[in-house]
mmCIF file of all heavy atoms, coordinates in Angstrom:
data_MODEL
# 
_entry.id   MODEL 
# 
loop_
_atom_site.group_PDB 
_atom_site.id 
_atom_site.type_symbol 
_atom_site.label_atom_id 
_atom_site.label_alt_id 
_atom_site.label_comp_id 
_atom_site.label_asym_id 
_atom_site.label_entity_id 
_atom_site.label_seq_id 
_atom_site.pdbx_PDB_ins_code 
_atom_site.Cartn_x 
_atom_site.Cartn_y 
_atom_site.Cartn_z 
_atom_site.occupancy 
_atom_site.B_iso_or_equiv 
_atom_site.pdbx_formal_charge 
_atom_site.auth_seq_id 
_atom_site.auth_comp_id 
_atom_site.auth_asym_id 
_atom_site.auth_atom_id 
_atom_site.pdbx_PDB_model_num 
ATOM 1   N N   . MET A 1 1  ? 0.907  -1.213 0.043   1.00 0.00 ? 1  MET A N   1 
ATOM 2   C CA  . MET A 1 1  ? -0.007 -0.024 0.033   1.00 0.00 ? 1  MET A CA  1 
ATOM 3   C C   . MET A 1 1  ? 0.802  1.269  0.046   1.00 0.00 ? 1  MET A C   1 
ATOM 4   O O   . MET A 1 1  ? 0.484  2.192  -0.725  1.00 0.00 ? 1  MET A O   1 
ATOM 5   C CB  . MET A 1 1  ? -1.004 0.015  1.220   1.00 0.00 ? 1  MET A CB  1 
ATOM 6   C CG  . MET A 1 1  ? -2.100 -1.025 1.130   1.00 0.00 ? 1  MET A CG  1 
ATOM 7   S SD  . MET A 1 1  ? -3.246 -0.853 2.463   1.00 0.00 ? 1  MET A SD  1 
ATOM 8   C CE  . MET A 1 1  ? -2.261 -1.336 3.863   1.00 0.00 ? 1  MET A CE  1 
ATOM 9   N N   . ASN A 1 2  ? 1.871  1.207  0.828   1.00 0.00 ? 2  ASN A N   1 
ATOM 10  C CA  . ASN A 1 2  ? 2.836  2.438  0.815   1.00 0.00 ? 2  ASN A CA  1 
ATOM 11  C C   . ASN A 1 2  ? 3.499  2.624  -0.472  1.00 0.00 ? 2  ASN A C   1 
ATOM 12  O O   . ASN A 1 2  ? 3.812  3.788  -0.882  1.00 0.00 ? 2  ASN A O   1 
ATOM 13  C CB  . ASN A 1 2  ? 3.889  2.293  1.915   1.00 0.00 ? 2  ASN A CB  1 
ATOM 14  C CG  . ASN A 1 2  ? 3.286  2.222  3.347   1.00 0.00 ? 2  ASN A CG  1 
ATOM 15  O OD1 . ASN A 1 2  ? 2.150  2.745  3.613   1.00 0.00 ? 2  ASN A OD1 1 
ATOM 16  N ND2 . ASN A 1 2  ? 3.935  1.806  4.304   1.00 0.00 ? 2  ASN A ND2 1 
ATOM 17  N N   . GLN A 1 3  ? 3.791  1.552  -1.115  1.00 0.00 ? 3  GLN A N   1 
ATOM 18  C CA  . GLN A 1 3  ? 4.579  1.581  -2.373  1.00 0.00 ? 3  GLN A CA  1 
ATOM 19  C C   . GLN A 1 3  ? 3.587  2.215  -3.476  1.00 0.00 ? 3  GLN A C   1 
ATOM 20  O O   . GLN A 1 3  ? 3.934  3.073  -4.333  1.00 0.00 ? 3  GLN A O   1 
ATOM 21  C CB  . GLN A 1 3  ? 5.020  0.270  -2.968  1.00 0.00 ? 3  GLN A CB  1 
ATOM 22  C CG  . GLN A 1 3  ? 5.660  0.316  -4.227  1.00 0.00 ? 3  GLN A CG  1 
ATOM 23  C CD  . GLN A 1 3  ? 6.189  -1.168 -4.675  1.00 0.00 ? 3  GLN A CD  1 
ATOM 24  O OE1 . GLN A 1 3  ? 5.849  -2.130 -3.994  1.00 0.00 ? 3  GLN A OE1 1 
ATOM 25  N NE2 . GLN A 1 3  ? 6.884  -1.209 -5.708  1.00 0.00 ? 3  GLN A NE2 1 
ATOM 26  N N   . ARG A 1 4  ? 2.326  1.807  -3.508  1.00 0.00 ? 4  ARG A N   1 
ATOM 27  C CA  . ARG A 1 4  ? 1.344  2.427  -4.445  1.00 0.00 ? 4  ARG A CA  1 
ATOM 28  C C   . ARG A 1 4  ? 1.167  3.878  -4.174  1.00 0.00 ? 4  ARG A C   1 
ATOM 29  O O   . ARG A 1 4  ? 1.173  4.718  -5.062  1.00 0.00 ? 4  ARG A O   1 
ATOM 30  C CB  . ARG A 1 4  ? 0.005  1.571  -4.345  1.00 0.00 ? 4  ARG A CB  1 
ATOM 31  C CG  . ARG A 1 4  ? 0.053  0.236  -4.733  1.00 0.00 ? 4  ARG A CG  1 
ATOM 32  C CD  . ARG A 1 4  ? 0.728  -0.128 -5.964  1.00 0.00 ? 4  ARG A CD  1 
ATOM 33  N NE  . ARG A 1 4  ? 0.665  -1.474 -6.429  1.00 0.00 ? 4  ARG A NE  1 
ATOM 34  C CZ  . ARG A 1 4  ? 1.500  -2.474 -6.071  1.00 0.00 ? 4  ARG A CZ  1 
ATOM 35  N NH1 . ARG A 1 4  ? 2.492  -2.259 -5.188  1.00 0.00 ? 4  ARG A NH1 1 
ATOM 36  N NH2 . ARG A 1 4  ? 1.412  -3.661 -6.568  1.00 0.00 ? 4  ARG A NH2 1 
ATOM 37  N N   . THR A 1 5  ? 1.040  4.265  -2.861  1.00 0.00 ? 5  THR A N   1 
ATOM 38  C CA  . THR A 1 5  ? 0.880  5.646  -2.466  1.00 0.00 ? 5  THR A CA  1 
ATOM 39  C C   . THR A 1 5  ? 2.096  6.400  -3.070  1.00 0.00 ? 5  THR A C   1 
ATOM 40  O O   . THR A 1 5  ? 1.835  7.534  -3.552  1.00 0.00 ? 5  THR A O   1 
ATOM 41  C CB  . THR A 1 5  ? 0.644  5.741  -0.956  1.00 0.00 ? 5  THR A CB  1 
ATOM 42  O OG1 . THR A 1 5  ? -0.375 4.993  -0.488  1.00 0.00 ? 5  THR A OG1 1 
ATOM 43  C CG2 . THR A 1 5  ? 0.574  7.201  -0.505  1.00 0.00 ? 5  THR A CG2 1 
ATOM 44  N N   . HIS A 1 6  ? 3.254  5.945  -2.888  1.00 0.00 ? 6  HIS A N   1 
ATOM 45  C CA  . HIS A 1 6  ? 4.453  6.716  -3.256  1.00 0.00 ? 6  HIS A CA  1 
ATOM 46  C C   . HIS A 1 6  ? 4.490  6.853  -4.824  1.00 0.00 ? 6  HIS A C   1 
ATOM 47  O O   . HIS A 1 6  ? 4.784  7.955  -5.266  1.00 0.00 ? 6  HIS A O   1 
ATOM 48  C CB  . HIS A 1 6  ? 5.745  5.966  -2.704  1.00 0.00 ? 6  HIS A CB  1 
ATOM 49  C CG  . HIS A 1 6  ? 6.970  6.554  -3.221  1.00 0.00 ? 6  HIS A CG  1 
ATOM 50  N ND1 . HIS A 1 6  ? 7.421  7.848  -2.526  1.00 0.00 ? 6  HIS A ND1 1 
ATOM 51  C CD2 . HIS A 1 6  ? 7.918  6.208  -4.069  1.00 0.00 ? 6  HIS A CD2 1 
ATOM 52  C CE1 . HIS A 1 6  ? 8.590  8.067  -3.144  1.00 0.00 ? 6  HIS A CE1 1 
ATOM 53  N NE2 . HIS A 1 6  ? 8.870  7.201  -4.127  1.00 0.00 ? 6  HIS A NE2 1 
ATOM 54  N N   . GLN A 1 7  ? 4.067  5.836  -5.478  1.00 0.00 ? 7  GLN A N   1 
ATOM 55  C CA  . GLN A 1 7  ? 3.999  5.870  -6.916  1.00 0.00 ? 7  GLN A CA  1 
ATOM 56  C C   . GLN A 1 7  ? 2.999  6.931  -7.469  1.00 0.00 ? 7  GLN A C   1 
ATOM 57  O O   . GLN A 1 7  ? 3.246  7.693  -8.373  1.00 0.00 ? 7  GLN A O   1 
ATOM 58  C CB  . GLN A 1 7  ? 3.684  4.507  -7.604  1.00 0.00 ? 7  GLN A CB  1 
ATOM 59  C CG  . GLN A 1 7  ? 4.835  3.617  -7.505  1.00 0.00 ? 7  GLN A CG  1 
ATOM 60  C CD  . GLN A 1 7  ? 4.405  2.148  -7.967  1.00 0.00 ? 7  GLN A CD  1 
ATOM 61  O OE1 . GLN A 1 7  ? 3.218  1.858  -7.994  1.00 0.00 ? 7  GLN A OE1 1 
ATOM 62  N NE2 . GLN A 1 7  ? 5.384  1.415  -8.295  1.00 0.00 ? 7  GLN A NE2 1 
ATOM 63  N N   . ILE A 1 8  ? 1.928  6.890  -6.804  1.00 0.00 ? 8  ILE A N   1 
ATOM 64  C CA  . ILE A 1 8  ? 0.853  7.984  -7.052  1.00 0.00 ? 8  ILE A CA  1 
ATOM 65  C C   . ILE A 1 8  ? 1.408  9.405  -6.867  1.00 0.00 ? 8  ILE A C   1 
ATOM 66  O O   . ILE A 1 8  ? 1.112  10.318 -7.569  1.00 0.00 ? 8  ILE A O   1 
ATOM 67  C CB  . ILE A 1 8  ? -0.475 7.706  -6.218  1.00 0.00 ? 8  ILE A CB  1 
ATOM 68  C CG1 . ILE A 1 8  ? -1.131 6.426  -6.725  1.00 0.00 ? 8  ILE A CG1 1 
ATOM 69  C CG2 . ILE A 1 8  ? -1.422 8.866  -6.365  1.00 0.00 ? 8  ILE A CG2 1 
ATOM 70  C CD1 . ILE A 1 8  ? -2.209 5.920  -5.851  1.00 0.00 ? 8  ILE A CD1 1 
ATOM 71  N N   . GLN A 1 9  ? 2.072  9.628  -5.748  1.00 0.00 ? 9  GLN A N   1 
ATOM 72  C CA  . GLN A 1 9  ? 2.640  10.965 -5.406  1.00 0.00 ? 9  GLN A CA  1 
ATOM 73  C C   . GLN A 1 9  ? 3.682  11.259 -6.480  1.00 0.00 ? 9  GLN A C   1 
ATOM 74  O O   . GLN A 1 9  ? 3.718  12.574 -6.820  1.00 0.00 ? 9  GLN A O   1 
ATOM 75  C CB  . GLN A 1 9  ? 3.222  10.910 -3.958  1.00 0.00 ? 9  GLN A CB  1 
ATOM 76  C CG  . GLN A 1 9  ? 2.224  10.753 -2.884  1.00 0.00 ? 9  GLN A CG  1 
ATOM 77  C CD  . GLN A 1 9  ? 2.826  10.533 -1.581  1.00 0.00 ? 9  GLN A CD  1 
ATOM 78  O OE1 . GLN A 1 9  ? 3.970  10.253 -1.373  1.00 0.00 ? 9  GLN A OE1 1 
ATOM 79  N NE2 . GLN A 1 9  ? 1.972  10.739 -0.487  1.00 0.00 ? 9  GLN A NE2 1 
ATOM 80  N N   . GLU A 1 10 ? 4.432  10.293 -6.871  1.00 0.00 ? 10 GLU A N   1 
ATOM 81  C CA  . GLU A 1 10 ? 5.473  10.726 -7.925  1.00 0.00 ? 10 GLU A CA  1 
ATOM 82  C C   . GLU A 1 10 ? 4.857  11.134 -9.205  1.00 0.00 ? 10 GLU A C   1 
ATOM 83  O O   . GLU A 1 10 ? 5.232  12.139 -9.843  1.00 0.00 ? 10 GLU A O   1 
ATOM 84  C CB  . GLU A 1 10 ? 6.376  9.508  -8.136  1.00 0.00 ? 10 GLU A CB  1 
ATOM 85  C CG  . GLU A 1 10 ? 7.369  9.240  -7.190  1.00 0.00 ? 10 GLU A CG  1 
ATOM 86  C CD  . GLU A 1 10 ? 8.283  8.051  -7.365  1.00 0.00 ? 10 GLU A CD  1 
ATOM 87  O OE1 . GLU A 1 10 ? 7.806  7.211  -8.308  1.00 0.00 ? 10 GLU A OE1 1 
ATOM 88  O OE2 . GLU A 1 10 ? 9.357  7.900  -6.765  1.00 0.00 ? 10 GLU A OE2 1 
ATOM 89  N N   . ILE A 1 11 ? 3.753  10.446 -9.620  1.00 0.00 ? 11 ILE A N   1 
ATOM 90  C CA  . ILE A 1 11 ? 3.072  10.758 -10.881 1.00 0.00 ? 11 ILE A CA  1 
ATOM 91  C C   . ILE A 1 11 ? 2.410  12.210 -10.775 1.00 0.00 ? 11 ILE A C   1 
ATOM 92  O O   . ILE A 1 11 ? 2.525  12.976 -11.640 1.00 0.00 ? 11 ILE A O   1 
ATOM 93  C CB  . ILE A 1 11 ? 2.055  9.751  -11.192 1.00 0.00 ? 11 ILE A CB  1 
ATOM 94  C CG1 . ILE A 1 11 ? 2.677  8.388  -11.584 1.00 0.00 ? 11 ILE A CG1 1 
ATOM 95  C CG2 . ILE A 1 11 ? 1.121  10.226 -12.435 1.00 0.00 ? 11 ILE A CG2 1 
ATOM 96  C CD1 . ILE A 1 11 ? 1.748  7.265  -11.704 1.00 0.00 ? 11 ILE A CD1 1 
ATOM 97  N N   . ARG A 1 12 ? 1.825  12.427 -9.623  1.00 0.00 ? 12 ARG A N   1 
ATOM 98  C CA  . ARG A 1 12 ? 1.202  13.767 -9.464  1.00 0.00 ? 12 ARG A CA  1 
ATOM 99  C C   . ARG A 1 12 ? 2.258  14.868 -9.417  1.00 0.00 ? 12 ARG A C   1 
ATOM 100 O O   . ARG A 1 12 ? 2.010  15.879 -10.033 1.00 0.00 ? 12 ARG A O   1 
ATOM 101 C CB  . ARG A 1 12 ? 0.390  13.768 -8.127  1.00 0.00 ? 12 ARG A CB  1 
ATOM 102 C CG  . ARG A 1 12 ? -0.810 13.033 -8.328  1.00 0.00 ? 12 ARG A CG  1 
ATOM 103 C CD  . ARG A 1 12 ? -1.788 13.073 -7.104  1.00 0.00 ? 12 ARG A CD  1 
ATOM 104 N NE  . ARG A 1 12 ? -3.098 12.414 -7.415  1.00 0.00 ? 12 ARG A NE  1 
ATOM 105 C CZ  . ARG A 1 12 ? -3.736 11.827 -6.493  1.00 0.00 ? 12 ARG A CZ  1 
ATOM 106 N NH1 . ARG A 1 12 ? -3.292 11.861 -5.315  1.00 0.00 ? 12 ARG A NH1 1 
ATOM 107 N NH2 . ARG A 1 12 ? -4.875 11.262 -6.762  1.00 0.00 ? 12 ARG A NH2 1 
ATOM 108 N N   . ALA A 1 13 ? 3.414  14.639 -8.839  1.00 0.00 ? 13 ALA A N   1 
ATOM 109 C CA  . ALA A 1 13 ? 4.514  15.585 -8.748  1.00 0.00 ? 13 ALA A CA  1 
ATOM 110 C C   . ALA A 1 13 ? 5.100  15.776 -10.224 1.00 0.00 ? 13 ALA A C   1 
ATOM 111 O O   . ALA A 1 13 ? 5.351  16.969 -10.549 1.00 0.00 ? 13 ALA A O   1 
ATOM 112 C CB  . ALA A 1 13 ? 5.691  15.171 -7.880  1.00 0.00 ? 13 ALA A CB  1 
ATOM 113 N N   . ASP A 1 14 ? 5.192  14.683 -11.050 1.00 0.00 ? 14 ASP A N   1 
ATOM 114 C CA  . ASP A 1 14 ? 5.699  14.795 -12.388 1.00 0.00 ? 14 ASP A CA  1 
ATOM 115 C C   . ASP A 1 14 ? 4.676  15.660 -13.294 1.00 0.00 ? 14 ASP A C   1 
ATOM 116 O O   . ASP A 1 14 ? 5.004  16.498 -14.049 1.00 0.00 ? 14 ASP A O   1 
ATOM 117 C CB  . ASP A 1 14 ? 5.903  13.540 -13.032 1.00 0.00 ? 14 ASP A CB  1 
ATOM 118 C CG  . ASP A 1 14 ? 7.111  12.737 -12.437 1.00 0.00 ? 14 ASP A CG  1 
ATOM 119 O OD1 . ASP A 1 14 ? 7.900  13.498 -11.914 1.00 0.00 ? 14 ASP A OD1 1 
ATOM 120 O OD2 . ASP A 1 14 ? 7.091  11.476 -12.754 1.00 0.00 ? 14 ASP A OD2 1 
ATOM 121 N N   . MET A 1 15 ? 3.389  15.367 -13.030 1.00 0.00 ? 15 MET A N   1 
ATOM 122 C CA  . MET A 1 15 ? 2.340  16.135 -13.699 1.00 0.00 ? 15 MET A CA  1 
ATOM 123 C C   . MET A 1 15 ? 2.339  17.634 -13.347 1.00 0.00 ? 15 MET A C   1 
ATOM 124 O O   . MET A 1 15 ? 2.290  18.453 -14.272 1.00 0.00 ? 15 MET A O   1 
ATOM 125 C CB  . MET A 1 15 ? 0.949  15.642 -13.471 1.00 0.00 ? 15 MET A CB  1 
ATOM 126 C CG  . MET A 1 15 ? 0.781  14.249 -14.060 1.00 0.00 ? 15 MET A CG  1 
ATOM 127 S SD  . MET A 1 15 ? -0.899 13.433 -13.394 1.00 0.00 ? 15 MET A SD  1 
ATOM 128 C CE  . MET A 1 15 ? -2.102 14.666 -13.873 1.00 0.00 ? 15 MET A CE  1 
ATOM 129 N N   . ALA A 1 16 ? 2.675  17.928 -12.108 1.00 0.00 ? 16 ALA A N   1 
ATOM 130 C CA  . ALA A 1 16 ? 2.693  19.294 -11.655 1.00 0.00 ? 16 ALA A CA  1 
ATOM 131 C C   . ALA A 1 16 ? 3.900  19.966 -12.199 1.00 0.00 ? 16 ALA A C   1 
ATOM 132 O O   . ALA A 1 16 ? 3.902  21.230 -12.711 1.00 0.00 ? 16 ALA A O   1 
ATOM 133 C CB  . ALA A 1 16 ? 2.719  19.477 -10.194 1.00 0.00 ? 16 ALA A CB  1 
ATOM 134 N N   . ALA A 1 17 ? 5.020  19.307 -12.201 1.00 0.00 ? 17 ALA A N   1 
ATOM 135 C CA  . ALA A 1 17 ? 6.369  19.896 -12.731 1.00 0.00 ? 17 ALA A CA  1 
ATOM 136 C C   . ALA A 1 17 ? 6.212  20.169 -14.269 1.00 0.00 ? 17 ALA A C   1 
ATOM 137 O O   . ALA A 1 17 ? 6.786  21.089 -14.683 1.00 0.00 ? 17 ALA A O   1 
ATOM 138 C CB  . ALA A 1 17 ? 7.540  19.013 -12.501 1.00 0.00 ? 17 ALA A CB  1 
ATOM 139 N N   . GLY A 1 18 ? 5.652  19.290 -14.952 1.00 0.00 ? 18 GLY A N   1 
ATOM 140 C CA  . GLY A 1 18 ? 5.457  19.468 -16.396 1.00 0.00 ? 18 GLY A CA  1 
ATOM 141 C C   . GLY A 1 18 ? 4.636  20.722 -16.728 1.00 0.00 ? 18 GLY A C   1 
ATOM 142 O O   . GLY A 1 18 ? 4.950  21.576 -17.706 1.00 0.00 ? 18 GLY A O   1 
ATOM 143 N N   . GLY A 1 19 ? 3.522  21.069 -15.970 1.00 0.00 ? 19 GLY A N   1 
ATOM 144 C CA  . GLY A 1 19 ? 2.815  22.168 -16.243 1.00 0.00 ? 19 GLY A CA  1 
ATOM 145 C C   . GLY A 1 19 ? 3.647  23.512 -15.828 1.00 0.00 ? 19 GLY A C   1 
ATOM 146 O O   . GLY A 1 19 ? 3.545  24.462 -16.576 1.00 0.00 ? 19 GLY A O   1 
ATOM 147 N N   . ASP A 1 20 ? 4.372  23.396 -14.944 1.00 0.00 ? 20 ASP A N   1 
ATOM 148 C CA  . ASP A 1 20 ? 5.251  24.605 -14.532 1.00 0.00 ? 20 ASP A CA  1 
ATOM 149 C C   . ASP A 1 20 ? 6.224  24.844 -15.490 1.00 0.00 ? 20 ASP A C   1 
ATOM 150 O O   . ASP A 1 20 ? 6.529  25.997 -15.850 1.00 0.00 ? 20 ASP A O   1 
ATOM 151 C CB  . ASP A 1 20 ? 5.986  24.298 -13.150 1.00 0.00 ? 20 ASP A CB  1 
ATOM 152 C CG  . ASP A 1 20 ? 4.962  24.306 -11.984 1.00 0.00 ? 20 ASP A CG  1 
ATOM 153 O OD1 . ASP A 1 20 ? 3.859  24.769 -12.111 1.00 0.00 ? 20 ASP A OD1 1 
ATOM 154 O OD2 . ASP A 1 20 ? 5.386  23.720 -10.968 1.00 0.00 ? 20 ASP A OD2 1 
ATOM 155 N N   . CYS A 1 21 ? 6.836  23.845 -16.068 1.00 0.00 ? 21 CYS A N   1 
ATOM 156 C CA  . CYS A 1 21 ? 7.837  24.013 -17.201 1.00 0.00 ? 21 CYS A CA  1 
ATOM 157 C C   . CYS A 1 21 ? 7.225  24.612 -18.402 1.00 0.00 ? 21 CYS A C   1 
ATOM 158 O O   . CYS A 1 21 ? 7.889  25.591 -19.008 1.00 0.00 ? 21 CYS A O   1 
ATOM 159 C CB  . CYS A 1 21 ? 8.474  22.657 -17.472 1.00 0.00 ? 21 CYS A CB  1 
ATOM 160 S SG  . CYS A 1 21 ? 9.771  22.827 -18.731 1.00 0.00 ? 21 CYS A SG  1 
ATOM 161 N N   . LEU A 1 22 ? 6.030  24.141 -18.823 1.00 0.00 ? 22 LEU A N   1 
ATOM 162 C CA  . LEU A 1 22 ? 5.510  24.750 -19.998 1.00 0.00 ? 22 LEU A CA  1 
ATOM 163 C C   . LEU A 1 22 ? 5.088  26.108 -19.751 1.00 0.00 ? 22 LEU A C   1 
ATOM 164 O O   . LEU A 1 22 ? 5.186  26.930 -20.548 1.00 0.00 ? 22 LEU A O   1 
ATOM 165 C CB  . LEU A 1 22 ? 4.302  23.857 -20.261 1.00 0.00 ? 22 LEU A CB  1 
ATOM 166 C CG  . LEU A 1 22 ? 3.419  24.305 -21.537 1.00 0.00 ? 22 LEU A CG  1 
ATOM 167 C CD1 . LEU A 1 22 ? 4.310  24.281 -22.784 1.00 0.00 ? 22 LEU A CD1 1 
ATOM 168 C CD2 . LEU A 1 22 ? 2.305  23.485 -21.670 1.00 0.00 ? 22 LEU A CD2 1 
ATOM 169 N N   . GLN A 1 23 ? 4.615  26.480 -18.526 1.00 0.00 ? 23 GLN A N   1 
ATOM 170 C CA  . GLN A 1 23 ? 4.214  27.835 -18.234 1.00 0.00 ? 23 GLN A CA  1 
ATOM 171 C C   . GLN A 1 23 ? 5.420  28.755 -18.192 1.00 0.00 ? 23 GLN A C   1 
ATOM 172 O O   . GLN A 1 23 ? 5.364  29.832 -18.861 1.00 0.00 ? 23 GLN A O   1 
ATOM 173 C CB  . GLN A 1 23 ? 3.527  27.855 -16.874 1.00 0.00 ? 23 GLN A CB  1 
ATOM 174 C CG  . GLN A 1 23 ? 2.957  29.208 -16.568 1.00 0.00 ? 23 GLN A CG  1 
ATOM 175 C CD  . GLN A 1 23 ? 2.254  29.251 -15.195 1.00 0.00 ? 23 GLN A CD  1 
ATOM 176 O OE1 . GLN A 1 23 ? 2.457  28.246 -14.266 1.00 0.00 ? 23 GLN A OE1 1 
ATOM 177 N NE2 . GLN A 1 23 ? 1.314  30.125 -14.994 1.00 0.00 ? 23 GLN A NE2 1 
ATOM 178 N N   . ARG A 1 24 ? 6.464  28.364 -17.693 1.00 0.00 ? 24 ARG A N   1 
ATOM 179 C CA  . ARG A 1 24 ? 7.764  29.150 -17.780 1.00 0.00 ? 24 ARG A CA  1 
ATOM 180 C C   . ARG A 1 24 ? 8.202  29.394 -19.218 1.00 0.00 ? 24 ARG A C   1 
ATOM 181 O O   . ARG A 1 24 ? 8.683  30.482 -19.547 1.00 0.00 ? 24 ARG A O   1 
ATOM 182 C CB  . ARG A 1 24 ? 8.886  28.408 -16.900 1.00 0.00 ? 24 ARG A CB  1 
ATOM 183 C CG  . ARG A 1 24 ? 8.773  28.717 -15.474 1.00 0.00 ? 24 ARG A CG  1 
ATOM 184 C CD  . ARG A 1 24 ? 10.046 28.150 -14.834 1.00 0.00 ? 24 ARG A CD  1 
ATOM 185 N NE  . ARG A 1 24 ? 9.509  27.238 -13.811 1.00 0.00 ? 24 ARG A NE  1 
ATOM 186 C CZ  . ARG A 1 24 ? 9.861  26.031 -13.714 1.00 0.00 ? 24 ARG A CZ  1 
ATOM 187 N NH1 . ARG A 1 24 ? 10.827 25.543 -14.453 1.00 0.00 ? 24 ARG A NH1 1 
ATOM 188 N NH2 . ARG A 1 24 ? 9.367  25.264 -12.781 1.00 0.00 ? 24 ARG A NH2 1 
ATOM 189 N N   . LEU A 1 25 ? 8.071  28.327 -20.014 1.00 0.00 ? 25 LEU A N   1 
ATOM 190 C CA  . LEU A 1 25 ? 8.427  28.498 -21.410 1.00 0.00 ? 25 LEU A CA  1 
ATOM 191 C C   . LEU A 1 25 ? 7.563  29.501 -22.170 1.00 0.00 ? 25 LEU A C   1 
ATOM 192 O O   . LEU A 1 25 ? 8.106  30.317 -22.938 1.00 0.00 ? 25 LEU A O   1 
ATOM 193 C CB  . LEU A 1 25 ? 8.320  27.164 -22.129 1.00 0.00 ? 25 LEU A CB  1 
ATOM 194 C CG  . LEU A 1 25 ? 8.874  27.125 -23.576 1.00 0.00 ? 25 LEU A CG  1 
ATOM 195 C CD1 . LEU A 1 25 ? 10.275 27.428 -23.728 1.00 0.00 ? 25 LEU A CD1 1 
ATOM 196 C CD2 . LEU A 1 25 ? 8.640  25.646 -24.128 1.00 0.00 ? 25 LEU A CD2 1 
# 
């Protein structure tokens, strides 16, 4: 369960970082 939670958090962080990068560009 902890591993799945960590993977979900990583995906959400990647999604947020991608949006920030595009906005800066």
